[in-house]
Amino acid sequence: MISPTRCPFCNDILVTAYHRVSKNTSLEMKSCDKRIDHRIQYTLNTDGSVYSFRIPLLEKSNATWYPNNQLLIIYKEGTGATVNIPYFEVGNRPFAKLVHKVKTYITFS
């Protein structure tokens, strides 16, 4: 998956930030969090490909896609708990439908 320059949900330009992970390594992160109806964040590999794609869910948890490994993991902040659910492509779904699909998988997992 190649790094997008625009948000797939609202078509705004993604904001780029760099997060230092070690003395010589920084991760590039692109996000869209200016709208009230969605928030997303991409983390990129050094070659510019997408390492992960994250959306927030309710109750301080988030869903994170790892396209290279075909993983979709739900992380609960604060507890460190994780739940693996069946991987699916984000595609061109509206944000609300994407969140609903993730919550449905969580309910039946």
C-alpha atoms as a PDB file:
ATOM      1  CA  MET A   1       0.000   0.000   0.000  1.00  0.00           C
ATOM      2  CA  ILE A   2       1.470   3.331  -1.072  1.00  0.00           C
ATOM      3  CA  SER A   3       1.298   6.308   1.248  1.00  0.00           C
ATOM      4  CA  PRO A   4      -1.688   8.543   0.531  1.00  0.00           C
ATOM      5  CA  THR A   5      -1.364  12.325   0.482  1.00  0.00           C
ATOM      6  CA  ARG A   6      -5.079  12.975   1.049  1.00  0.00           C
ATOM      7  CA  CYS A   7      -7.584  11.597   3.538  1.00  0.00           C
ATOM      8  CA  PRO A   8      -9.649   8.784   1.978  1.00  0.00           C
ATOM      9  CA  PHE A   9     -12.781  10.012   3.798  1.00  0.00           C
ATOM     10  CA  CYS A  10     -12.807  13.826   3.372  1.00  0.00           C
ATOM     11  CA  ASN A  11     -10.075  14.389   0.726  1.00  0.00           C
ATOM     12  CA  ASP A  12      -8.230  16.931   2.935  1.00  0.00           C
ATOM     13  CA  ILE A  13      -4.436  16.942   2.810  1.00  0.00           C
ATOM     14  CA  LEU A  14      -2.925  14.686   5.489  1.00  0.00           C
ATOM     15  CA  VAL A  15      -0.746  16.380   8.117  1.00  0.00           C
ATOM     16  CA  THR A  16       2.764  14.906   8.332  1.00  0.00           C
ATOM     17  CA  ALA A  17       4.668  14.536  11.612  1.00  0.00           C
ATOM     18  CA  TYR A  18       7.820  12.643  12.580  1.00  0.00           C
ATOM     19  CA  HIS A  19       8.102  10.493  15.695  1.00  0.00           C
ATOM     20  CA  ARG A  20      11.613   9.637  16.892  1.00  0.00           C
ATOM     21  CA  VAL A  21      11.879   5.952  17.848  1.00  0.00           C
ATOM     22  CA  SER A  22      15.629   5.839  18.380  1.00  0.00           C
ATOM     23  CA  LYS A  23      18.655   8.092  18.090  1.00  0.00           C
ATOM     24  CA  ASN A  24      18.962   7.578  14.325  1.00  0.00           C
ATOM     25  CA  THR A  25      15.432   6.525  13.332  1.00  0.00           C
ATOM     26  CA  SER A  26      12.200   8.473  12.955  1.00  0.00           C
ATOM     27  CA  LEU A  27       8.827   7.252  11.754  1.00  0.00           C
ATOM     28  CA  GLU A  28       6.770   9.374   9.407  1.00  0.00           C
ATOM     29  CA  MET A  29       3.129   9.659  10.456  1.00  0.00           C
ATOM     30  CA  LYS A  30       0.311  11.161   8.407  1.00  0.00           C
ATOM     31  CA  SER A  31      -2.991  12.021  10.001  1.00  0.00           C
ATOM     32  CA  CYS A  32      -6.373  13.627   9.503  1.00  0.00           C
ATOM     33  CA  ASP A  33      -7.913  14.810  12.761  1.00  0.00           C
ATOM     34  CA  LYS A  34      -9.417  18.204  11.961  1.00  0.00           C
ATOM     35  CA  ARG A  35     -12.934  16.929  11.259  1.00  0.00           C
ATOM     36  CA  ILE A  36     -15.410  15.979  13.985  1.00  0.00           C
ATOM     37  CA  ASP A  37     -16.684  12.881  12.185  1.00  0.00           C
ATOM     38  CA  HIS A  38     -13.406  10.989  11.759  1.00  0.00           C
ATOM     39  CA  ARG A  39      -9.763  10.643  12.825  1.00  0.00           C
ATOM     40  CA  ILE A  40      -7.172   8.489  11.086  1.00  0.00           C
ATOM     41  CA  GLN A  41      -3.426   7.978  11.248  1.00  0.00           C
ATOM     42  CA  TYR A  42      -0.992   6.300   8.857  1.00  0.00           C
ATOM     43  CA  THR A  43       2.479   5.192   9.970  1.00  0.00           C
ATOM     44  CA  LEU A  44       4.938   4.796   7.104  1.00  0.00           C
ATOM     45  CA  ASN A  45       7.963   2.583   6.513  1.00  0.00           C
ATOM     46  CA  THR A  46      11.250   4.213   5.529  1.00  0.00           C
ATOM     47  CA  ASP A  47      10.472   3.435   1.856  1.00  0.00           C
ATOM     48  CA  GLY A  48       7.187   5.391   2.069  1.00  0.00           C
ATOM     49  CA  SER A  49       4.878   2.377   2.103  1.00  0.00           C
ATOM     50  CA  VAL A  50       2.150   2.121   4.737  1.00  0.00           C
ATOM     51  CA  TYR A  51       3.190   0.192   7.852  1.00  0.00           C
ATOM     52  CA  SER A  52      -0.086   0.721   9.731  1.00  0.00           C
ATOM     53  CA  PHE A  53      -3.431   2.488   9.512  1.00  0.00           C
ATOM     54  CA  ARG A  54      -5.282   3.390  12.725  1.00  0.00           C
ATOM     55  CA  ILE A  55      -8.756   4.654  13.615  1.00  0.00           C
ATOM     56  CA  PRO A  56     -10.048   5.390  17.121  1.00  0.00           C
ATOM     57  CA  LEU A  57     -13.000   3.495  18.568  1.00  0.00           C
ATOM     58  CA  LEU A  58     -15.037   4.167  21.686  1.00  0.00           C
ATOM     59  CA  GLU A  59     -13.784   3.577  25.227  1.00  0.00           C
ATOM     60  CA  LYS A  60     -10.153   4.511  24.568  1.00  0.00           C
ATOM     61  CA  SER A  61      -9.458   1.772  22.069  1.00  0.00           C
ATOM     62  CA  ASN A  62      -8.363   1.810  18.453  1.00  0.00           C
ATOM     63  CA  ALA A  63      -8.324  -0.468  15.441  1.00  0.00           C
ATOM     64  CA  THR A  64      -4.986  -0.825  13.657  1.00  0.00           C
ATOM     65  CA  TRP A  65      -4.496  -2.428  10.237  1.00  0.00           C
ATOM     66  CA  TYR A  66      -1.082  -3.844   9.279  1.00  0.00           C
ATOM     67  CA  PRO A  67      -1.420  -4.352   5.503  1.00  0.00           C
ATOM     68  CA  ASN A  68       1.977  -6.045   4.982  1.00  0.00           C
ATOM     69  CA  ASN A  69       1.119  -8.768   7.530  1.00  0.00           C
ATOM     70  CA  GLN A  70      -2.646  -8.874   6.825  1.00  0.00           C
ATOM     71  CA  LEU A  71      -3.393  -8.193  10.528  1.00  0.00           C
ATOM     72  CA  LEU A  72      -6.170  -6.181  12.141  1.00  0.00           C
ATOM     73  CA  ILE A  73      -5.703  -5.667  15.870  1.00  0.00           C
ATOM     74  CA  ILE A  74      -7.861  -3.836  18.409  1.00  0.00           C
ATOM     75  CA  TYR A  75      -5.810  -2.139  21.153  1.00  0.00           C
ATOM     76  CA  LYS A  76      -7.322  -1.022  24.477  1.00  0.00           C
ATOM     77  CA  GLU A  77      -5.357   1.914  25.853  1.00  0.00           C
ATOM     78  CA  GLY A  78      -4.346   1.735  29.489  1.00  0.00           C
ATOM     79  CA  THR A  79      -4.896  -2.015  29.856  1.00  0.00           C
ATOM     80  CA  GLY A  80      -2.617  -3.229  27.099  1.00  0.00           C
ATOM     81  CA  ALA A  81      -5.287  -5.724  26.012  1.00  0.00           C
ATOM     82  CA  THR A  82      -5.415  -6.695  22.346  1.00  0.00           C
ATOM     83  CA  VAL A  83      -7.930  -8.569  20.212  1.00  0.00           C
ATOM     84  CA  ASN A  84      -7.152  -9.940  16.755  1.00  0.00           C
ATOM     85  CA  ILE A  85     -10.108  -9.839  14.381  1.00  0.00           C
ATOM     86  CA  PRO A  86     -10.357 -11.031  10.759  1.00  0.00           C
ATOM     87  CA  TYR A  87      -8.435  -8.775   8.388  1.00  0.00           C
ATOM     88  CA  PHE A  88     -10.298  -6.903   5.677  1.00  0.00           C
ATOM     89  CA  GLU A  89      -9.318  -4.098   3.334  1.00  0.00           C
ATOM     90  CA  VAL A  90     -10.473  -0.603   4.242  1.00  0.00           C
ATOM     91  CA  GLY A  91     -11.487   0.133   0.656  1.00  0.00           C
ATOM     92  CA  ASN A  92     -13.717   3.117  -0.135  1.00  0.00           C
ATOM     93  CA  ARG A  93     -16.166   2.685   2.752  1.00  0.00           C
ATOM     94  CA  PRO A  94     -17.509   5.776   4.496  1.00  0.00           C
ATOM     95  CA  PHE A  95     -15.865   6.213   7.907  1.00  0.00           C
ATOM     96  CA  ALA A  96     -19.036   5.434   9.899  1.00  0.00           C
ATOM     97  CA  LYS A  97     -19.518   2.144   8.018  1.00  0.00           C
ATOM     98  CA  LEU A  98     -15.888   1.202   8.604  1.00  0.00           C
ATOM     99  CA  VAL A  99     -16.236   1.757  12.358  1.00  0.00           C
ATOM    100  CA  HIS A 100     -19.521  -0.190  12.370  1.00  0.00           C
ATOM    101  CA  LYS A 101     -17.902  -3.150  10.580  1.00  0.00           C
ATOM    102  CA  VAL A 102     -15.013  -3.236  13.075  1.00  0.00           C
ATOM    103  CA  LYS A 103     -17.420  -3.098  16.026  1.00  0.00           C
ATOM    104  CA  THR A 104     -19.465  -5.935  14.507  1.00  0.00           C
ATOM    105  CA  TYR A 105     -16.327  -8.098  14.223  1.00  0.00           C
ATOM    106  CA  ILE A 106     -15.436  -7.277  17.845  1.00  0.00           C
ATOM    107  CA  THR A 107     -18.905  -8.292  19.017  1.00  0.00           C
ATOM    108  CA  PHE A 108     -18.723 -11.683  17.328  1.00  0.00           C
ATOM    109  CA  SER A 109     -15.047 -12.427  18.054  1.00  0.00           C
END
